[in-house]
């Protein structure tokens, strides 16, 4: 009987961020009833994270998308205990979450050499199984890539995110002058004088209704989940996707971006966020910036301008607002410093919370040990 190989993947250009594959643990080896010999256990199938791997490489290297571990050896006179079948390893990029066919999470691989068992080999034949071997576990699994970065750029198309990424880091994103400028996530690194590095992910532009699968933005919203903080990038002149859609001011853009994040996953709004107001080199930008700052200081006074379904439950609170120009370089150094400061503050808060938790655990454990009655 031939097993089908299950493969579906989503593709943007050459970028693949999810893949489905068929996995099967090896069958066990035959037992030896007359001499009580045990067959070897079948090999297991593991998913293993590697730094220099992509899902596209996996798809190209294993076009059949079928991963089957080796069978356990039969028990025989000169080797009563059969040897274990060969394990099968599936190399995947770091940042993968593995789910089964029903969407249940099997596990996540967040660093090099992380590994997850996805299909177990069958037991070899022994007394317990009447010396008959068991078959290996069969499982269709789904690999989902979520980019891991310190900072995730959030903005509508043409806000200048790609230009900003090339300004602050060594990334060279391909930028074209049309609505969907970035067709796949780009990762860049900000390098500081003291050799500190901060990774930044630019995600393709969201559009209104992205959470409802409009445009490509919703496919990339999941990548924001693994970033430590968000950097909103808005065009000071506002945004209009096409002549058929409504023009939005910079303030309206921020409110709509916040709503898109909320509708996709409310927890995204609890991440620390910065706001970069881009294209400050344009005529009249300074006046528009003063208007925007007034609106951001008193957002509730301006929410009546929106339809009810466009108003987020809570407005975004930005730790810092930085006016910049990705073209002239204005404000870029300041932005880099704020990104670092914000990440350091966040790390310190996490450390404090961790130490407080440890201290509390110590106090609880010491209270419990002292409250025990003395031995008779």
Foldseek 3Di string as FASTA:
>chain_A
DDDAWDWDWDQQPLATFKIKTKEWWAWWAFADVVVQFWTAWTAFEKEFADAPAAVSNLCVVCVRRYYYWFYWHHADDVRSYTHYTGHHYRYHHAQKWKAFPVRHTQGHGHDHGDMGTDKTTWTTQGVVNVRHIGTIGITIMMIGHADAFQEEEAFFFPLCPQLLLVLQFVWDAQADPARFGHRAKTKGWGADPVRDIGIYIYGTGADQCVLVVPDCRVVRLRNLVNHQAYEYRGEQQFDDNDPVGDTGHRLLRQLQSLLSNCSNPVVNLVHAYEYEHEPCVDPPSVVSVVVNVVCVVPVVVPCVVDDPSSGDPDHHDHPYYFYAYSVVGPRSVVVVVVSVVVSVVVVVVVVVVVVVVVVVVVVVVVVVVVPDDDDD
